[in-house]
Amino acid sequence: MQKKASKFSVYQVVLHGVLAVMLLLMLYPLVMSFWNAFKNELGFIYSRWYPTIPLRYRNFVVAFPKIWRYIYNTLTVAVFGIIGLLFVSSLGAYAFARMKFPGKEFIYMAVIALMMIPDILTLVPRFMLYKGFGALDTPLVLIIPMITGGSVFGTFLLRAFFGGVPEDIFEAARIDGANEFRVYYSICLPLCIPILGTLTIMQISNIWNDYLWPMITQQHHENLTISAGLIVEFVNEYTTNYPVQFAGYLLSSLPLILLFIFANKYYIEGLTSSAIKF
């Protein structure tokens, strides 16, 4: 018993040591970005691996006017895109989960098959399509693909959630005279707020991190979203001024951090509830 206990304790020590090293490797770059945002150029050159004082707050004053426009563009795209995505996804998911019509399973499988196609394969056709519509260099070329592309995963996720709601609730609403849209609006949507919050956070994160599509569809830099804007803004004047770049990165990440802090409850609740439904 003592040998087993000693082996078990050694195993636990090694396991926790490996986890601690992995955690350090993951968190250290984030912490390093934070303290480097408060350095000057010389301080960054001579002491980039550890924090120093005094703190230079002017980096944030310099960085904010450079990126606020890109944050505004990203929020605009996110608001309109997420509203459209949730509406289309929830309607499609309700139809596949609660309505009966010919070819339902075949159409659903065709929709789900779109998830297997990498986005990079449709990059050139999408560009040509929106160019033909004259939508390049406009917010529409950023909003519409998010609605059409994100709705595939949204429909897949919400269908499983809608399918787990007891049928008796819907039957009671129909007996009371509610039509299908009223059942969808009054029954389904209030019940699926957590999973809608989860889907919203996922899509906002995708919008915030996307830089390839905005870079190739927006000729004017003032129309770019935040990831592409950071690359364009800091590639020239502040190429060697890393503290200002780090300050810009922190400021651009702040909305996502605040979103996750205040919506963390709905995000976790949506994930756990959808996992149970699956």
Protein backbone atom coordinates (compact mmCIF):
# COMPACT_ATOMS: atom_id res chain seq x y z
CA MET A 1 0.00 0.00 0.00
CA GLN A 2 2.85 2.39 0.82
CA LYS A 3 4.51 1.68 -2.55
CA LYS A 4 1.25 2.34 -4.37
CA ALA A 5 0.73 5.53 -2.41
CA SER A 6 4.27 6.73 -3.16
CA LYS A 7 3.88 5.93 -6.87
CA PHE A 8 0.54 7.72 -6.90
CA SER A 9 2.01 10.80 -5.20
CA VAL A 10 4.97 10.90 -7.60
CA TYR A 11 2.57 10.63 -10.55
CA GLN A 12 0.49 13.49 -9.18
CA VAL A 13 3.57 15.65 -8.65
CA VAL A 14 4.79 15.04 -12.21
CA LEU A 15 1.33 15.66 -13.63
CA HIS A 16 0.86 18.92 -11.73
CA GLY A 17 4.36 20.00 -12.72
CA VAL A 18 3.58 19.47 -16.40
CA LEU A 19 0.29 21.35 -16.04
CA ALA A 20 2.06 24.20 -14.27
CA VAL A 21 4.63 24.49 -17.07
CA MET A 22 1.92 24.45 -19.73
CA LEU A 23 -0.06 27.08 -17.83
CA LEU A 24 3.05 29.26 -17.56
CA LEU A 25 3.74 28.94 -21.29
CA MET A 26 0.16 30.00 -22.02
CA LEU A 27 -0.11 32.90 -19.56
CA TYR A 28 3.39 34.36 -19.76
CA PRO A 29 2.95 35.90 -23.26
CA LEU A 30 -0.28 37.56 -22.09
CA VAL A 31 1.31 38.99 -18.97
CA MET A 32 4.35 40.03 -21.01
CA SER A 33 2.08 41.92 -23.42
CA PHE A 34 0.51 43.72 -20.48
CA TRP A 35 3.68 45.03 -18.87
CA ASN A 36 5.35 45.84 -22.19
CA ALA A 37 2.45 48.16 -22.97
CA PHE A 38 3.66 50.41 -20.13
CA LYS A 39 7.30 50.70 -21.26
CA ASN A 40 9.08 53.21 -23.45
CA GLU A 41 11.10 52.13 -26.48
CA LEU A 42 14.43 51.96 -24.67
CA GLY A 43 12.89 50.16 -21.73
CA PHE A 44 11.43 47.55 -24.05
CA ILE A 45 14.80 46.96 -25.76
CA TYR A 46 16.71 46.44 -22.53
CA SER A 47 14.08 44.75 -20.34
CA ARG A 48 11.36 43.20 -22.44
CA TRP A 49 11.18 39.98 -20.41
CA TYR A 50 10.24 41.48 -17.06
CA PRO A 51 8.29 44.53 -15.79
CA THR A 52 9.97 47.82 -14.98
CA ILE A 53 9.01 51.21 -13.60
CA PRO A 54 8.08 53.99 -14.14
CA LEU A 55 4.95 53.09 -16.06
CA ARG A 56 4.36 54.90 -19.35
CA TYR A 57 0.63 55.53 -19.73
CA ARG A 58 1.13 57.69 -22.79
CA ASN A 59 1.30 54.58 -24.97
CA PHE A 60 -2.44 54.13 -24.52
CA VAL A 61 -3.07 57.80 -25.28
CA VAL A 62 -1.14 57.40 -28.54
CA ALA A 63 -2.72 54.06 -29.48
CA PHE A 64 -6.39 54.83 -28.83
CA PRO A 65 -6.87 57.46 -31.59
CA LYS A 66 -5.30 54.99 -34.01
CA ILE A 67 -7.72 52.14 -33.33
CA TRP A 68 -11.01 53.58 -32.10
CA ARG A 69 -12.40 53.74 -35.64
CA TYR A 70 -11.65 50.06 -36.20
CA ILE A 71 -13.32 49.12 -32.91
CA TYR A 72 -16.39 51.12 -33.95
CA ASN A 73 -16.50 49.36 -37.33
CA THR A 74 -16.19 45.96 -35.66
CA LEU A 75 -18.99 46.71 -33.20
CA THR A 76 -21.23 47.91 -36.03
CA VAL A 77 -20.61 44.77 -38.08
CA ALA A 78 -21.08 42.60 -34.99
CA VAL A 79 -24.40 44.16 -33.96
CA PHE A 80 -26.10 43.96 -37.35
CA GLY A 81 -24.49 40.66 -38.27
CA ILE A 82 -25.35 38.95 -34.99
CA ILE A 83 -28.99 40.11 -35.14
CA GLY A 84 -29.37 38.72 -38.64
CA LEU A 85 -27.48 35.53 -37.79
CA LEU A 86 -29.58 34.77 -34.71
CA PHE A 87 -32.81 35.42 -36.58
CA VAL A 88 -31.94 33.19 -39.54
CA SER A 89 -30.38 30.47 -37.38
CA SER A 90 -33.25 30.30 -34.91
CA LEU A 91 -35.88 30.20 -37.66
CA GLY A 92 -34.04 27.46 -39.54
CA ALA A 93 -33.42 25.47 -36.38
CA TYR A 94 -37.08 25.70 -35.36
CA ALA A 95 -38.20 24.51 -38.79
CA PHE A 96 -35.85 21.53 -38.73
CA ALA A 97 -36.60 20.63 -35.12
CA ARG A 98 -40.36 21.18 -34.79
CA MET A 99 -41.95 21.27 -38.24
CA LYS A 100 -42.64 18.43 -40.66
CA PHE A 101 -42.19 18.88 -44.40
CA PRO A 102 -40.99 16.68 -47.28
CA GLY A 103 -37.24 16.25 -47.55
CA LYS A 104 -36.52 17.78 -44.15
CA GLU A 105 -33.70 15.43 -43.20
CA PHE A 106 -32.10 15.63 -46.65
CA ILE A 107 -32.14 19.44 -46.60
CA TYR A 108 -30.76 19.47 -43.06
CA MET A 109 -27.93 17.14 -44.01
CA ALA A 110 -27.16 19.36 -47.01
CA VAL A 111 -26.97 22.36 -44.70
CA ILE A 112 -24.75 20.54 -42.21
CA ALA A 113 -22.48 19.39 -45.05
CA LEU A 114 -21.56 23.04 -45.58
CA MET A 115 -19.74 22.91 -42.24
CA MET A 116 -17.27 20.47 -43.78
CA ILE A 117 -16.14 22.95 -46.45
CA PRO A 118 -13.18 25.13 -45.39
CA ASP A 119 -13.78 28.86 -45.72
CA ILE A 120 -10.60 29.29 -47.75
CA LEU A 121 -12.11 27.25 -50.60
CA THR A 122 -14.92 29.78 -51.01
CA LEU A 123 -12.75 32.86 -50.61
CA VAL A 124 -12.30 33.67 -54.31
CA PRO A 125 -15.88 32.82 -55.35
CA ARG A 126 -17.24 34.96 -52.52
CA PHE A 127 -15.03 37.85 -53.55
CA MET A 128 -16.20 37.59 -57.17
CA LEU A 129 -19.82 37.33 -56.06
CA TYR A 130 -19.79 40.46 -53.93
CA LYS A 131 -17.73 42.29 -56.52
CA GLY A 132 -20.46 41.55 -59.06
CA PHE A 133 -23.03 42.97 -56.65
CA GLY A 134 -20.92 46.10 -56.15
CA ALA A 135 -20.74 45.48 -52.41
CA LEU A 136 -16.97 45.69 -52.04
CA ASP A 137 -15.62 48.41 -49.77
CA THR A 138 -18.95 48.61 -47.91
CA PRO A 139 -20.07 47.23 -44.52
CA LEU A 140 -22.46 44.87 -46.31
CA VAL A 141 -19.60 42.73 -47.59
CA LEU A 142 -18.65 42.07 -43.96
CA ILE A 143 -22.17 41.65 -42.55
CA ILE A 144 -23.83 39.43 -45.16
CA PRO A 145 -21.16 36.65 -45.18
CA MET A 146 -21.39 36.47 -41.40
CA ILE A 147 -25.16 35.95 -41.60
CA THR A 148 -25.02 33.38 -44.39
CA GLY A 149 -21.92 31.54 -43.18
CA GLY A 150 -22.49 31.65 -39.44
CA SER A 151 -26.11 30.54 -39.76
CA VAL A 152 -24.98 27.04 -40.75
CA PHE A 153 -23.33 26.37 -37.41
CA GLY A 154 -26.05 28.33 -35.61
CA THR A 155 -28.77 26.15 -37.15
CA PHE A 156 -26.88 23.00 -36.19
CA LEU A 157 -26.43 24.17 -32.60
CA LEU A 158 -29.95 25.50 -32.06
CA ARG A 159 -31.70 22.53 -33.68
CA ALA A 160 -30.31 20.21 -31.02
CA PHE A 161 -31.45 22.66 -28.33
CA PHE A 162 -34.95 23.07 -29.78
CA GLY A 163 -35.25 19.32 -30.19
CA GLY A 164 -34.69 18.82 -26.45
CA VAL A 165 -37.62 21.03 -25.41
CA PRO A 166 -40.61 18.88 -24.38
CA GLU A 167 -43.27 18.61 -27.09
CA ASP A 168 -46.07 19.11 -24.53
CA ILE A 169 -45.16 22.80 -24.26
CA PHE A 170 -45.64 23.32 -27.99
CA GLU A 171 -48.83 21.31 -28.09
CA ALA A 172 -50.32 23.38 -25.26
CA ALA A 173 -49.48 26.59 -27.14
CA ARG A 174 -51.06 25.27 -30.35
CA ILE A 175 -54.19 24.21 -28.48
CA ASP A 176 -54.47 27.77 -27.18
CA GLY A 177 -54.52 28.98 -30.79
CA ALA A 178 -50.89 30.01 -31.32
CA ASN A 179 -49.56 29.65 -34.86
CA GLU A 180 -46.07 28.37 -35.63
CA PHE A 181 -44.43 31.80 -35.60
CA ARG A 182 -46.08 32.64 -32.29
CA VAL A 183 -44.82 29.36 -30.82
CA TYR A 184 -41.34 30.13 -32.13
CA TYR A 185 -41.41 33.71 -30.81
CA SER A 186 -43.13 33.15 -27.47
CA ILE A 187 -41.91 29.67 -26.51
CA CYS A 188 -38.63 28.86 -28.22
CA LEU A 189 -36.78 32.15 -28.06
CA PRO A 190 -37.29 32.77 -24.30
CA LEU A 191 -36.18 29.21 -23.55
CA CYS A 192 -33.03 29.38 -25.67
CA ILE A 193 -31.57 32.65 -24.38
CA PRO A 194 -28.49 30.89 -22.87
CA ILE A 195 -27.59 29.10 -26.11
CA LEU A 196 -28.21 32.30 -28.08
CA GLY A 197 -25.77 34.05 -25.75
CA THR A 198 -23.21 31.30 -26.35
CA LEU A 199 -23.61 31.60 -30.11
CA THR A 200 -23.34 35.39 -29.88
CA ILE A 201 -20.06 35.27 -27.96
CA MET A 202 -18.61 32.73 -30.41
CA GLN A 203 -19.50 34.82 -33.44
CA ILE A 204 -18.29 38.10 -31.92
CA SER A 205 -14.97 36.43 -31.18
CA ASN A 206 -14.77 35.27 -34.81
CA ILE A 207 -15.51 38.79 -36.06
CA TRP A 208 -12.89 40.29 -33.77
CA ASN A 209 -10.21 37.85 -34.93
CA ASP A 210 -10.98 37.92 -38.66
CA TYR A 211 -8.53 39.95 -40.71
CA LEU A 212 -8.23 38.14 -44.08
CA TRP A 213 -11.72 38.87 -45.44
CA PRO A 214 -11.72 42.57 -44.44
CA MET A 215 -8.22 43.01 -45.89
CA ILE A 216 -9.23 41.79 -49.35
CA THR A 217 -12.68 43.39 -49.51
CA GLN A 218 -11.99 46.86 -48.08
CA GLN A 219 -9.85 49.23 -50.14
CA HIS A 220 -10.23 52.16 -47.74
CA HIS A 221 -8.53 51.53 -44.44
CA GLU A 222 -11.12 53.46 -42.45
CA ASN A 223 -13.64 50.67 -43.19
CA LEU A 224 -11.52 47.86 -41.73
CA THR A 225 -12.37 45.89 -38.63
CA ILE A 226 -10.07 45.72 -35.65
CA SER A 227 -7.74 42.82 -36.52
CA ALA A 228 -7.05 44.11 -40.02
CA GLY A 229 -6.87 47.68 -38.72
CA LEU A 230 -4.16 46.80 -36.21
CA ILE A 231 -2.03 45.30 -38.95
CA VAL A 232 -2.47 48.30 -41.24
CA GLU A 233 -2.11 50.94 -38.56
CA PHE A 234 1.02 49.66 -36.85
CA VAL A 235 2.88 48.33 -39.87
CA ASN A 236 4.30 51.71 -40.87
CA GLU A 237 4.66 54.45 -38.28
CA TYR A 238 4.95 52.22 -35.21
CA THR A 239 6.72 49.22 -36.69
CA THR A 240 9.59 49.48 -34.21
CA ASN A 241 7.60 51.01 -31.34
CA TYR A 242 6.45 47.80 -29.72
CA PRO A 243 5.09 49.35 -26.49
CA VAL A 244 2.54 51.37 -28.50
CA GLN A 245 1.63 48.24 -30.43
CA PHE A 246 1.08 46.29 -27.22
CA ALA A 247 -1.06 49.14 -25.88
CA GLY A 248 -3.17 48.98 -29.04
CA TYR A 249 -3.54 45.23 -28.71
CA LEU A 250 -4.68 45.54 -25.10
CA LEU A 251 -7.20 48.26 -25.94
CA SER A 252 -8.58 46.23 -28.83
CA SER A 253 -8.97 43.18 -26.58
CA LEU A 254 -10.77 45.07 -23.83
CA PRO A 255 -14.30 44.83 -25.35
CA LEU A 256 -13.97 41.05 -25.69
CA ILE A 257 -12.72 40.72 -22.13
CA LEU A 258 -15.62 42.80 -20.79
CA LEU A 259 -18.08 40.83 -22.90
CA PHE A 260 -16.87 37.53 -21.53
CA ILE A 261 -16.88 38.83 -17.93
CA PHE A 262 -20.48 40.02 -18.07
CA ALA A 263 -21.80 37.24 -20.36
CA ASN A 264 -19.83 34.40 -18.81
CA LYS A 265 -22.92 33.05 -17.06
CA TYR A 266 -24.91 32.71 -20.29
CA TYR A 267 -21.91 31.32 -22.16
CA ILE A 268 -21.30 28.47 -19.71
CA GLU A 269 -25.01 27.81 -19.20
CA GLY A 270 -25.54 27.59 -22.96
CA LEU A 271 -22.63 25.19 -23.41
CA THR A 272 -23.74 22.88 -20.62
CA SER A 273 -27.40 22.88 -21.64
CA SER A 274 -26.60 22.23 -25.29
CA ALA A 275 -24.25 19.40 -24.28
CA ILE A 276 -27.09 17.78 -22.32
CA LYS A 277 -29.43 18.19 -25.30
CA PHE A 278 -26.87 16.51 -27.58
